[in-house]
Amino acid sequence: LGSGKVSVTNLDFDHYIDRASPNLFKYCASGKHIPQAILVMRKAGGNPLEYLKYTFTDLIVAVVSPSGSHDGEIASRETVELSFSTVKQEYVVQNQQGGSGGTITAGYD
């Protein structure tokens, strides 16, 4: 194998169209750069654990693509694609009691 170059692509996610949708569309249409943004994922339950966090710098909303509902769902969805200069990923390992068992981090600059 020869030397290669790392390629970290845009991050895309799918979500129900909600109150964030107009702002996501506005940022996409304007091409405005966002200095920093954080995307957090939580487990469901009475004491939801934040198990995954992305911190982006110099972010733009590259794509907003409404797709309607899927598989009999009532609510419509959209796919959002984020382009960024740097990203830090933090994954929280869940312990047997359902709490935090430590964090694993990685990043790209």
C-alpha atoms as a PDB file:
ATOM      1  CA  LEU A   1       0.000   0.000   0.000  1.00  0.00           C
ATOM      2  CA  GLY A   2       1.168   3.467  -0.806  1.00  0.00           C
ATOM      3  CA  SER A   3       0.678   6.519   1.305  1.00  0.00           C
ATOM      4  CA  GLY A   4      -2.875   7.771   1.205  1.00  0.00           C
ATOM      5  CA  LYS A   5      -4.779  10.740   2.424  1.00  0.00           C
ATOM      6  CA  VAL A   6      -7.491  10.518   5.038  1.00  0.00           C
ATOM      7  CA  SER A   7     -10.927  11.593   3.896  1.00  0.00           C
ATOM      8  CA  VAL A   8     -13.502  12.469   6.531  1.00  0.00           C
ATOM      9  CA  THR A   9     -16.797  13.110   4.785  1.00  0.00           C
ATOM     10  CA  ASN A  10     -19.808  15.152   5.784  1.00  0.00           C
ATOM     11  CA  LEU A  11     -22.011  13.893   8.592  1.00  0.00           C
ATOM     12  CA  ASP A  12     -25.633  13.309   7.691  1.00  0.00           C
ATOM     13  CA  PHE A  13     -28.567  12.508   9.941  1.00  0.00           C
ATOM     14  CA  ASP A  14     -32.260  11.876   9.541  1.00  0.00           C
ATOM     15  CA  HIS A  15     -34.847  13.412  11.876  1.00  0.00           C
ATOM     16  CA  TYR A  16     -38.512  14.266  12.106  1.00  0.00           C
ATOM     17  CA  ILE A  17     -39.321  17.695  10.720  1.00  0.00           C
ATOM     18  CA  ASP A  18     -39.644  19.899  13.792  1.00  0.00           C
ATOM     19  CA  ARG A  19     -39.067  23.415  15.088  1.00  0.00           C
ATOM     20  CA  ALA A  20     -35.369  23.226  14.132  1.00  0.00           C
ATOM     21  CA  SER A  21     -36.210  22.574  10.464  1.00  0.00           C
ATOM     22  CA  PRO A  22     -36.763  26.214   9.368  1.00  0.00           C
ATOM     23  CA  ASN A  23     -33.429  27.280  10.899  1.00  0.00           C
ATOM     24  CA  LEU A  24     -31.591  24.354   9.318  1.00  0.00           C
ATOM     25  CA  PHE A  25     -33.109  25.297   5.958  1.00  0.00           C
ATOM     26  CA  LYS A  26     -32.191  28.970   6.480  1.00  0.00           C
ATOM     27  CA  TYR A  27     -28.548  28.116   7.215  1.00  0.00           C
ATOM     28  CA  CYS A  28     -28.426  25.766   4.238  1.00  0.00           C
ATOM     29  CA  ALA A  29     -29.910  28.317   1.838  1.00  0.00           C
ATOM     30  CA  SER A  30     -27.624  31.136   3.003  1.00  0.00           C
ATOM     31  CA  GLY A  31     -24.396  29.110   3.216  1.00  0.00           C
ATOM     32  CA  LYS A  32     -23.649  30.915   6.483  1.00  0.00           C
ATOM     33  CA  HIS A  33     -20.814  29.408   8.511  1.00  0.00           C
ATOM     34  CA  ILE A  34     -21.551  28.434  12.110  1.00  0.00           C
ATOM     35  CA  PRO A  35     -18.488  28.839  14.377  1.00  0.00           C
ATOM     36  CA  GLN A  36     -19.347  25.880  16.639  1.00  0.00           C
ATOM     37  CA  ALA A  37     -22.200  23.378  16.916  1.00  0.00           C
ATOM     38  CA  ILE A  38     -22.833  20.378  19.162  1.00  0.00           C
ATOM     39  CA  LEU A  39     -24.949  17.344  18.247  1.00  0.00           C
ATOM     40  CA  VAL A  40     -25.932  15.129  21.202  1.00  0.00           C
ATOM     41  CA  MET A  41     -27.637  11.726  21.235  1.00  0.00           C
ATOM     42  CA  ARG A  42     -29.364  10.411  24.352  1.00  0.00           C
ATOM     43  CA  LYS A  43     -30.731   7.044  25.411  1.00  0.00           C
ATOM     44  CA  ALA A  44     -34.432   7.009  26.271  1.00  0.00           C
ATOM     45  CA  GLY A  45     -35.660   6.546  29.821  1.00  0.00           C
ATOM     46  CA  GLY A  46     -36.226   8.329  33.091  1.00  0.00           C
ATOM     47  CA  ASN A  47     -32.583   9.384  33.417  1.00  0.00           C
ATOM     48  CA  PRO A  48     -31.417   9.600  29.794  1.00  0.00           C
ATOM     49  CA  LEU A  49     -27.698   9.073  29.306  1.00  0.00           C
ATOM     50  CA  GLU A  50     -25.989  11.349  26.771  1.00  0.00           C
ATOM     51  CA  TYR A  51     -24.004   8.622  25.072  1.00  0.00           C
ATOM     52  CA  LEU A  52     -22.706  10.327  21.922  1.00  0.00           C
ATOM     53  CA  LYS A  53     -21.625  13.909  21.341  1.00  0.00           C
ATOM     54  CA  TYR A  54     -20.129  15.558  18.263  1.00  0.00           C
ATOM     55  CA  THR A  55     -18.554  19.008  18.533  1.00  0.00           C
ATOM     56  CA  PHE A  56     -18.023  20.704  15.165  1.00  0.00           C
ATOM     57  CA  THR A  57     -16.140  23.872  14.254  1.00  0.00           C
ATOM     58  CA  ASP A  58     -16.580  25.998  11.143  1.00  0.00           C
ATOM     59  CA  LEU A  59     -19.751  24.150  10.198  1.00  0.00           C
ATOM     60  CA  ILE A  60     -22.149  24.665   7.313  1.00  0.00           C
ATOM     61  CA  VAL A  61     -25.473  22.977   6.706  1.00  0.00           C
ATOM     62  CA  ALA A  62     -24.673  21.548   3.272  1.00  0.00           C
ATOM     63  CA  VAL A  63     -27.955  19.738   2.478  1.00  0.00           C
ATOM     64  CA  VAL A  64     -31.520  19.697   3.800  1.00  0.00           C
ATOM     65  CA  SER A  65     -33.630  17.104   2.011  1.00  0.00           C
ATOM     66  CA  PRO A  66     -37.267  16.576   3.070  1.00  0.00           C
ATOM     67  CA  SER A  67     -38.352  13.001   2.432  1.00  0.00           C
ATOM     68  CA  GLY A  68     -41.886  12.630   3.752  1.00  0.00           C
ATOM     69  CA  SER A  69     -42.909   9.857   6.107  1.00  0.00           C
ATOM     70  CA  HIS A  70     -41.581   6.287   6.079  1.00  0.00           C
ATOM     71  CA  ASP A  71     -43.165   2.903   6.790  1.00  0.00           C
ATOM     72  CA  GLY A  72     -46.570   4.215   7.843  1.00  0.00           C
ATOM     73  CA  GLU A  73     -45.254   6.982  10.095  1.00  0.00           C
ATOM     74  CA  ILE A  74     -47.473  10.012  10.479  1.00  0.00           C
ATOM     75  CA  ALA A  75     -44.703  12.610  10.796  1.00  0.00           C
ATOM     76  CA  SER A  76     -42.472  13.639   7.892  1.00  0.00           C
ATOM     77  CA  ARG A  77     -38.685  13.399   8.024  1.00  0.00           C
ATOM     78  CA  GLU A  78     -35.737  15.192   6.496  1.00  0.00           C
ATOM     79  CA  THR A  79     -32.086  14.365   5.985  1.00  0.00           C
ATOM     80  CA  VAL A  80     -29.539  17.001   6.991  1.00  0.00           C
ATOM     81  CA  GLU A  81     -25.900  16.959   5.893  1.00  0.00           C
ATOM     82  CA  LEU A  82     -23.246  18.900   7.805  1.00  0.00           C
ATOM     83  CA  SER A  83     -19.851  19.934   6.444  1.00  0.00           C
ATOM     84  CA  PHE A  84     -17.171  21.013   8.927  1.00  0.00           C
ATOM     85  CA  SER A  85     -13.511  21.871   9.393  1.00  0.00           C
ATOM     86  CA  THR A  86     -12.957  19.937  12.621  1.00  0.00           C
ATOM     87  CA  VAL A  87     -14.952  17.401  14.610  1.00  0.00           C
ATOM     88  CA  LYS A  88     -14.567  15.815  18.034  1.00  0.00           C
ATOM     89  CA  GLN A  89     -16.523  12.662  18.870  1.00  0.00           C
ATOM     90  CA  GLU A  90     -17.161  11.605  22.471  1.00  0.00           C
ATOM     91  CA  TYR A  91     -18.768   8.220  23.174  1.00  0.00           C
ATOM     92  CA  VAL A  92     -19.890   7.434  26.730  1.00  0.00           C
ATOM     93  CA  VAL A  93     -19.708   3.753  27.614  1.00  0.00           C
ATOM     94  CA  GLN A  94     -22.747   2.663  29.617  1.00  0.00           C
ATOM     95  CA  ASN A  95     -22.047   0.706  32.820  1.00  0.00           C
ATOM     96  CA  GLN A  96     -24.242  -2.099  34.212  1.00  0.00           C
ATOM     97  CA  GLN A  97     -26.232   0.385  36.307  1.00  0.00           C
ATOM     98  CA  GLY A  98     -27.090   2.451  33.218  1.00  0.00           C
ATOM     99  CA  GLY A  99     -24.751   5.316  34.074  1.00  0.00           C
ATOM    100  CA  SER A 100     -21.496   6.513  32.589  1.00  0.00           C
ATOM    101  CA  GLY A 101     -18.665   4.000  32.435  1.00  0.00           C
ATOM    102  CA  GLY A 102     -16.101   6.372  30.936  1.00  0.00           C
ATOM    103  CA  THR A 103     -15.682   8.294  27.711  1.00  0.00           C
ATOM    104  CA  ILE A 104     -13.854   7.389  24.508  1.00  0.00           C
ATOM    105  CA  THR A 105     -12.867  10.371  22.348  1.00  0.00           C
ATOM    106  CA  ALA A 106     -11.591  10.862  18.821  1.00  0.00           C
ATOM    107  CA  GLY A 107     -11.261  13.825  16.530  1.00  0.00           C
ATOM    108  CA  TYR A 108     -10.357  15.098  13.109  1.00  0.00           C
ATOM    109  CA  ASP A 109      -8.704  18.378  12.247  1.00  0.00           C
END
